[in-house]
Protein backbone atom coordinates (compact mmCIF):
# COMPACT_ATOMS: atom_id res chain seq x y z
CA UNK A 1 21.81 -53.21 62.50
CA UNK A 2 24.61 -54.55 60.32
CA UNK A 3 25.51 -53.52 56.55
CA UNK A 4 22.81 -54.25 53.69
CA UNK A 5 23.63 -58.15 54.17
CA UNK A 6 20.75 -60.54 53.34
CA UNK A 7 19.89 -62.46 56.63
CA UNK A 8 16.48 -64.37 55.33
CA UNK A 9 15.18 -64.22 51.70
CA UNK A 10 11.82 -65.58 50.63
CA UNK A 11 11.22 -65.37 46.77
CA UNK A 12 7.59 -65.94 45.82
CA UNK A 13 6.73 -68.16 48.62
CA UNK A 14 3.10 -69.80 48.90
CA UNK A 15 1.79 -72.29 51.51
CA UNK A 16 -1.91 -73.94 50.85
CA UNK A 17 -3.39 -76.05 53.53
CA UNK A 18 -6.30 -77.85 51.49
CA UNK A 19 -8.64 -75.39 50.13
CA UNK A 20 -6.83 -72.21 52.53
CA UNK A 21 -3.89 -70.18 50.74
CA UNK A 22 -2.18 -69.55 54.38
CA UNK A 23 0.49 -67.95 52.50
CA UNK A 24 -0.24 -66.18 48.81
CA UNK A 25 3.22 -65.57 46.69
CA UNK A 26 5.30 -63.54 49.22
CA UNK A 27 8.55 -62.19 48.74
CA UNK A 28 10.65 -60.37 51.55
CA UNK A 29 14.28 -59.70 52.30
CA UNK A 30 14.99 -59.44 55.64
CA UNK A 31 18.79 -57.99 56.39
CA UNK A 32 21.66 -59.52 58.30
CA UNK A 33 21.10 -58.22 61.91
CA UNK A 34 18.05 -56.70 61.41
CA UNK A 35 14.88 -57.15 64.27
CA UNK A 36 12.08 -57.80 61.71
CA UNK A 37 8.39 -58.03 62.45
CA UNK A 38 5.61 -59.94 60.86
CA UNK A 39 2.20 -57.84 62.11
CA UNK A 40 -1.26 -58.65 61.12
CA UNK A 41 -4.38 -60.37 62.53
CA UNK A 42 -5.00 -63.81 63.40
CA UNK A 43 -4.80 -66.18 60.06
CA UNK A 44 -3.26 -63.65 57.77
CA UNK A 45 -0.30 -65.88 57.35
CA UNK A 46 2.50 -64.72 59.46
CA UNK A 47 3.26 -68.03 61.82
CA UNK A 48 2.93 -70.12 58.36
CA UNK A 49 5.63 -67.93 57.29
CA UNK A 50 7.74 -68.16 60.18
CA UNK A 51 7.38 -71.92 60.44
CA UNK A 52 8.58 -72.11 56.75
CA UNK A 53 11.47 -70.55 57.42
CA UNK A 54 12.20 -72.59 60.62
CA UNK A 55 11.72 -75.55 58.18
CA UNK A 56 8.54 -77.01 60.08
CA UNK A 57 6.67 -76.36 56.83
CA UNK A 58 7.69 -76.65 53.50
CA UNK A 59 6.32 -74.00 50.87
CA UNK A 60 4.29 -75.36 47.79
CA UNK A 61 5.84 -73.16 45.64
CA UNK A 62 9.29 -70.25 46.05
CA UNK A 63 12.26 -70.50 47.62
CA UNK A 64 13.90 -69.56 51.00
CA UNK A 65 17.50 -68.76 51.80
CA UNK A 66 19.21 -68.21 55.09
CA UNK A 67 22.37 -65.94 54.44
CA UNK A 68 23.73 -67.40 51.15
CA UNK A 69 22.57 -70.76 51.40
CA UNK A 70 19.11 -72.36 49.93
CA UNK A 71 17.47 -74.06 52.61
CA UNK A 72 13.88 -74.51 50.98
CA UNK A 73 14.60 -78.32 51.03
CA UNK A 74 16.91 -78.46 54.20
CA UNK A 75 15.38 -80.09 57.37
CA UNK A 76 14.70 -78.10 60.80
CA UNK A 77 17.89 -79.19 62.64
CA UNK A 78 20.34 -78.48 59.79
CA UNK A 79 19.29 -74.57 59.61
CA UNK A 80 21.11 -72.44 61.81
CA UNK A 81 17.93 -70.95 63.30
CA UNK A 82 16.35 -71.55 66.58
CA UNK A 83 12.79 -70.56 67.82
CA UNK A 84 11.26 -69.21 71.00
CA UNK A 85 7.46 -69.76 71.16
CA UNK A 86 4.58 -68.31 73.46
CA UNK A 87 4.79 -71.27 75.71
CA UNK A 88 8.03 -71.30 77.44
CA UNK A 89 8.46 -75.18 76.73
CA UNK A 90 11.18 -75.24 79.94
CA UNK A 91 12.02 -78.37 81.43
CA UNK A 92 10.19 -78.70 85.03
CA UNK A 93 12.86 -81.14 86.44
CA UNK A 94 15.65 -79.65 85.14
CA UNK A 95 17.44 -76.11 86.71
CA UNK A 96 17.49 -73.00 85.13
CA UNK A 97 21.35 -73.56 83.82
CA UNK A 98 20.11 -77.25 82.67
CA UNK A 99 17.57 -75.69 80.62
CA UNK A 100 19.62 -73.01 79.03
CA UNK A 101 22.50 -75.61 78.44
CA UNK A 102 20.27 -78.23 77.06
CA UNK A 103 21.27 -77.62 73.19
CA UNK A 104 25.23 -78.05 74.20
CA UNK A 105 25.03 -81.47 75.55
CA UNK A 106 26.22 -82.75 72.30
CA UNK A 107 28.88 -80.24 71.41
CA UNK A 108 32.54 -80.84 72.18
CA UNK A 109 32.74 -78.31 74.83
CA UNK A 110 34.37 -79.11 78.23
CA UNK A 111 32.04 -78.95 81.12
CA UNK A 112 33.85 -75.82 82.28
CA UNK A 113 33.30 -74.60 78.94
CA UNK A 114 29.64 -75.27 78.72
CA UNK A 115 29.19 -73.65 82.53
CA UNK A 116 30.92 -70.43 81.05
CA UNK A 117 28.59 -70.17 78.23
CA UNK A 118 25.88 -70.72 80.42
CA UNK A 119 26.52 -68.11 82.73
CA UNK A 120 27.30 -65.84 79.68
CA UNK A 121 23.73 -66.65 78.37
CA UNK A 122 21.82 -66.11 81.47
CA UNK A 123 23.78 -62.71 82.11
CA UNK A 124 22.59 -61.43 78.73
CA UNK A 125 18.80 -61.94 79.46
CA UNK A 126 19.65 -60.30 83.22
CA UNK A 127 19.27 -63.94 85.07
CA UNK A 128 22.85 -63.84 86.29
CA UNK A 129 22.71 -66.25 89.78
CA UNK A 130 19.62 -67.92 88.84
CA UNK A 131 21.28 -70.74 87.34
CA UNK A 132 20.44 -73.45 90.07
CA UNK A 133 16.76 -72.48 90.59
CA UNK A 134 13.68 -74.73 89.12
CA UNK A 135 11.40 -72.89 86.22
CA UNK A 136 8.43 -73.09 88.97
CA UNK A 137 10.67 -70.89 91.22
CA UNK A 138 10.65 -68.28 88.20
CA UNK A 139 8.38 -65.54 87.15
CA UNK A 140 6.51 -65.46 83.92
CA UNK A 141 8.83 -63.11 82.78
CA UNK A 142 12.12 -64.74 84.06
CA UNK A 143 10.91 -67.83 82.65
CA UNK A 144 10.58 -66.06 78.77
CA UNK A 145 13.91 -65.05 79.35
CA UNK A 146 15.25 -68.62 80.24
CA UNK A 147 13.82 -69.19 77.09
CA UNK A 148 15.40 -66.46 74.77
CA UNK A 149 18.75 -67.62 76.54
CA UNK A 150 18.27 -71.35 75.56
CA UNK A 151 17.84 -70.49 72.04
CA UNK A 152 20.50 -67.73 72.19
CA UNK A 153 23.27 -69.70 73.71
CA UNK A 154 23.64 -72.17 70.12
CA UNK A 155 24.20 -68.96 68.27
CA UNK A 156 21.87 -68.86 65.84
CA UNK A 157 22.27 -67.14 62.09
CA UNK A 158 18.15 -66.02 62.90
CA UNK A 159 16.19 -66.25 66.00
CA UNK A 160 12.51 -66.71 65.00
CA UNK A 161 9.93 -65.41 67.95
CA UNK A 162 6.41 -66.24 67.79
CA UNK A 163 4.35 -64.17 69.81
CA UNK A 164 6.85 -64.78 73.00
CA UNK A 165 5.21 -62.34 74.96
CA UNK A 166 1.96 -63.21 74.39
CA UNK A 167 1.18 -64.68 77.89
CA UNK A 168 2.59 -62.04 79.90
CA UNK A 169 1.08 -59.18 81.33
CA UNK A 170 0.61 -55.85 79.88
CA UNK A 171 3.24 -53.94 82.12
CA UNK A 172 5.56 -56.72 82.03
CA UNK A 173 5.18 -56.93 77.95
CA UNK A 174 6.25 -53.24 77.89
CA UNK A 175 9.55 -54.19 79.90
CA UNK A 176 10.52 -57.22 78.41
CA UNK A 177 9.86 -54.99 74.68
CA UNK A 178 12.83 -52.68 75.76
CA UNK A 179 14.89 -55.11 77.09
CA UNK A 180 14.25 -58.00 73.99
CA UNK A 181 15.22 -54.80 71.63
CA UNK A 182 18.52 -54.26 73.80
CA UNK A 183 19.57 -57.90 73.71
CA UNK A 184 19.16 -58.22 70.06
CA UNK A 185 21.26 -55.22 69.51
CA UNK A 186 24.00 -56.53 71.69
CA UNK A 187 24.19 -60.03 70.12
CA UNK A 188 23.64 -58.78 66.63
CA UNK A 189 21.70 -61.75 65.43
CA UNK A 190 18.71 -61.50 63.03
CA UNK A 191 15.54 -61.41 64.98
CA UNK A 192 12.40 -62.35 63.10
CA UNK A 193 9.31 -61.55 65.48
CA UNK A 194 5.61 -62.56 65.11
CA UNK A 195 2.99 -60.74 66.72
CA UNK A 196 -0.76 -59.30 66.54
CA UNK A 197 0.44 -56.28 68.87
CA UNK A 198 0.71 -52.94 66.79
CA UNK A 199 2.51 -51.59 69.75
CA UNK A 200 5.25 -54.46 70.47
CA UNK A 201 5.93 -54.06 66.46
CA UNK A 202 6.24 -50.63 66.44
CA UNK A 203 8.32 -50.53 69.67
CA UNK A 204 10.94 -52.89 69.09
CA UNK A 205 11.22 -53.27 65.16
CA UNK A 206 13.84 -51.75 62.65
CA UNK A 207 11.17 -52.73 59.96
CA UNK A 208 7.93 -54.64 60.00
CA UNK A 209 5.73 -56.08 57.22
CA UNK A 210 2.10 -56.01 57.80
CA UNK A 211 -0.07 -59.08 56.48
CA UNK A 212 -3.81 -59.56 55.56
CA UNK A 213 -5.00 -62.98 53.83
CA UNK A 214 -1.64 -64.34 53.12
CA UNK A 215 -0.02 -60.88 51.62
CA UNK A 216 2.00 -58.49 52.65
CA UNK A 217 -0.13 -55.35 52.72
CA UNK A 218 2.92 -52.97 53.48
CA UNK A 219 6.82 -53.30 54.01
CA UNK A 220 8.79 -50.16 55.82
CA UNK A 221 9.80 -48.88 58.88
CA UNK A 222 7.48 -48.31 62.15
CA UNK A 223 7.03 -44.33 61.29
CA UNK A 224 6.81 -45.08 57.44
CA UNK A 225 4.01 -47.58 58.02
CA UNK A 226 2.29 -45.48 60.70
CA UNK A 227 2.75 -41.92 59.43
CA UNK A 228 1.86 -43.36 55.44
CA UNK A 229 -0.37 -46.31 55.70
CA UNK A 230 -0.45 -47.53 52.24
CA UNK A 231 -4.05 -48.96 52.57
CA UNK A 232 -7.42 -48.32 54.79
CA UNK A 233 -6.41 -51.82 56.15
CA UNK A 234 -3.01 -50.72 57.72
CA UNK A 235 -4.43 -47.28 58.85
CA UNK A 236 -7.04 -48.83 60.80
CA UNK A 237 -4.83 -52.02 61.93
CA UNK A 238 -1.69 -49.77 63.28
CA UNK A 239 -2.98 -47.86 65.97
CA UNK A 240 -6.01 -45.80 65.58
CA UNK A 241 -7.20 -44.11 62.40
CA UNK A 242 -10.18 -41.64 61.16
CA UNK A 243 -11.46 -42.97 58.18
CA UNK A 244 -14.13 -41.28 56.02
CA UNK A 245 -15.32 -41.88 52.73
CA UNK A 246 -14.50 -39.07 50.47
CA UNK A 247 -14.47 -37.77 46.81
CA UNK A 248 -11.10 -36.95 45.63
CA UNK A 249 -10.53 -34.08 42.81
CA UNK A 250 -7.36 -35.26 42.09
CA UNK A 251 -5.93 -31.85 42.60
CA UNK A 252 -5.05 -31.69 46.42
CA UNK A 253 -8.86 -31.24 47.06
CA UNK A 254 -10.89 -34.00 48.70
CA UNK A 255 -14.88 -33.39 49.85
CA UNK A 256 -16.34 -34.92 52.69
CA UNK A 257 -20.23 -34.52 52.31
CA UNK A 258 -20.45 -30.51 52.07
CA UNK A 259 -16.92 -30.19 53.38
CA UNK A 260 -14.02 -29.30 51.21
CA UNK A 261 -10.74 -30.15 52.33
CA UNK A 262 -6.87 -29.53 51.02
CA UNK A 263 -4.59 -32.65 50.98
CA UNK A 264 -0.73 -32.72 50.95
CA UNK A 265 0.69 -35.87 49.42
CA UNK A 266 -0.93 -38.60 47.36
CA UNK A 267 -3.34 -35.99 46.15
CA UNK A 268 -3.26 -37.11 42.44
CA UNK A 269 -5.69 -40.11 42.84
CA UNK A 270 -9.29 -39.26 41.78
CA UNK A 271 -13.03 -40.53 42.70
CA UNK A 272 -14.09 -41.95 45.43
CA UNK A 273 -11.46 -42.60 48.20
CA UNK A 274 -10.71 -43.17 52.09
CA UNK A 275 -9.72 -39.86 53.91
CA UNK A 276 -7.54 -41.08 56.91
CA UNK A 277 -6.03 -38.95 59.87
CA UNK A 278 -4.78 -40.02 63.14
CA UNK A 279 -6.54 -38.98 66.35
CA UNK A 280 -3.48 -37.24 67.51
CA UNK A 281 -3.36 -34.89 64.63
CA UNK A 282 -7.05 -33.33 65.21
CA UNK A 283 -6.96 -30.30 66.85
CA UNK A 284 -10.05 -29.01 68.88
CA UNK A 285 -10.35 -25.21 68.53
CA UNK A 286 -13.07 -22.79 69.27
CA UNK A 287 -16.15 -22.56 67.21
CA UNK A 288 -15.86 -20.46 64.09
CA UNK A 289 -12.12 -20.38 64.22
CA UNK A 290 -11.13 -19.32 60.49
CA UNK A 291 -8.58 -20.85 57.98
CA UNK A 292 -8.22 -23.72 55.81
CA UNK A 293 -9.51 -27.18 57.01
CA UNK A 294 -11.24 -26.15 59.75
CA UNK A 295 -14.77 -27.74 60.14
CA UNK A 296 -17.80 -27.20 62.34
CA UNK A 297 -18.30 -30.22 64.79
CA UNK A 298 -20.19 -30.93 67.74
CA UNK A 299 -18.85 -32.78 70.84
CA UNK A 300 -20.41 -36.17 71.40
CA UNK A 301 -18.65 -37.50 74.30
CA UNK A 302 -15.33 -37.61 76.30
CA UNK A 303 -13.10 -40.68 77.11
CA UNK A 304 -10.18 -39.89 79.77
CA UNK A 305 -7.29 -41.71 79.43
CA UNK A 306 -5.02 -40.30 81.89
CA UNK A 307 -2.16 -38.30 80.03
CA UNK A 308 -4.89 -37.57 77.24
CA UNK A 309 -8.41 -37.13 76.67
CA UNK A 310 -10.44 -38.84 73.58
CA UNK A 311 -12.45 -36.18 72.16
CA UNK A 312 -15.31 -37.85 69.93
CA UNK A 313 -16.84 -35.19 67.56
CA UNK A 314 -19.83 -35.18 64.61
CA UNK A 315 -19.08 -33.62 61.45
CA UNK A 316 -22.15 -31.83 59.55
CA UNK A 317 -22.81 -34.64 57.12
CA UNK A 318 -22.63 -37.23 60.01
CA UNK A 319 -19.26 -38.48 59.89
CA UNK A 320 -17.59 -39.49 63.18
CA UNK A 321 -13.88 -38.39 64.09
CA UNK A 322 -12.12 -38.67 67.13
CA UNK A 323 -9.13 -36.23 68.81
CA UNK A 324 -6.43 -37.58 71.16
CA UNK A 325 -5.91 -34.23 72.95
CA UNK A 326 -3.33 -33.71 75.89
CA UNK A 327 -4.68 -33.04 79.28
CA UNK A 328 -2.42 -30.19 79.50
CA UNK A 329 -4.51 -28.41 77.11
CA UNK A 330 -8.01 -26.97 77.86
CA UNK A 331 -10.38 -29.70 76.82
CA UNK A 332 -12.45 -29.46 79.88
CA UNK A 333 -13.97 -26.16 79.05
CA UNK A 334 -16.02 -27.72 76.65
CA UNK A 335 -19.30 -29.71 77.19
CA UNK A 336 -20.59 -32.57 75.51
CA UNK A 337 -22.80 -30.69 72.52
CA UNK A 338 -20.85 -27.99 72.45
CA UNK A 339 -20.17 -26.75 68.83
CA UNK A 340 -16.40 -26.52 67.93
CA UNK A 341 -14.20 -26.36 65.18
CA UNK A 342 -12.07 -29.35 64.37
CA UNK A 343 -8.59 -28.76 62.19
CA UNK A 344 -7.27 -31.01 60.40
CA UNK A 345 -3.96 -30.41 58.67
CA UNK A 346 -3.58 -30.96 55.09
CA UNK A 347 -0.05 -32.64 55.65
CA UNK A 348 -2.02 -35.09 57.91
CA UNK A 349 -4.52 -36.33 55.64
CA UNK A 350 -4.07 -39.58 53.86
CA UNK A 351 -5.86 -40.49 50.70
CA UNK A 352 -6.31 -44.19 50.41
CA UNK A 353 -7.93 -46.47 47.80
CA UNK A 354 -11.84 -47.14 49.17
CA UNK A 355 -11.10 -50.53 50.20
CA UNK A 356 -13.35 -50.30 53.21
CA UNK A 357 -14.97 -53.43 53.12
CA UNK A 358 -11.47 -55.08 54.03
CA UNK A 359 -10.33 -52.80 56.75
CA UNK A 360 -10.74 -54.41 60.22
């Protein structure tokens, strides 16, 4: 990522379709050369936001700038952006090279210069030597790379990607996540990536914005958003969280039923709260293990996941927790129904507002 220069700026942007407020007063600054993701469930406003940046939709209120240029009223073809969609939209009757070079057809480059640019773009996306093939001769992953090369060949200031890996199988998606981030670092272009897939956003992003109901719920690095969720929705949507209703004293102590726990961080919030902890931070110990934040629990079931095992346990008050335990540990020594102890580290517990009704 480059210095702190602005790549894309949205100031109080809103968009309404009839009685639906799709984007509600969003303000965002995406840095130049940053890989930035908009993450959220269907209908949260992320694609509408991308379409407004591309110029396909005009905001009802607010301002959009790319670099130092206000583009709020600029038509799409005059914005230095390009878009890669989930559907590859390749021309089946053209070769790979002709598809990639399609945007150069009205430029002032000579034929050898155009061919050199095409080959350079194909090499960038690891498709060197395939320029003479037709799209139907390529795999889905290769076709998506052709679409990416076609978008990059024009050297846009910002590349917009609308769930571009959604049509691929899980294994290929993971492979292309790594490659896409590598390509972005190599070209240094601002990437704005729209996805509902948490793994994609966490894997590739420098920063991400989690959206819900047309608003940004939280903005930060993947680590910040995952480890320090700002709301119960973010905690539940990003990865897996144990969410429990609790009562906070505001002095670093919370009560879950009859169990009292110590909490580090955001402990000043008092009253009815949601208490969150990631499954990988919950430790299963032998019955009657001594020490603070150790709670007697009963094992309800196991789910084998290969390298890890999910252990579902029930607290004395009826709340359920899940722990994610590496299979190198001796979890198999316990049976379903066994009485054990769950250790909930104080620094792993997060106190959140009691907005459980909004968490999905």
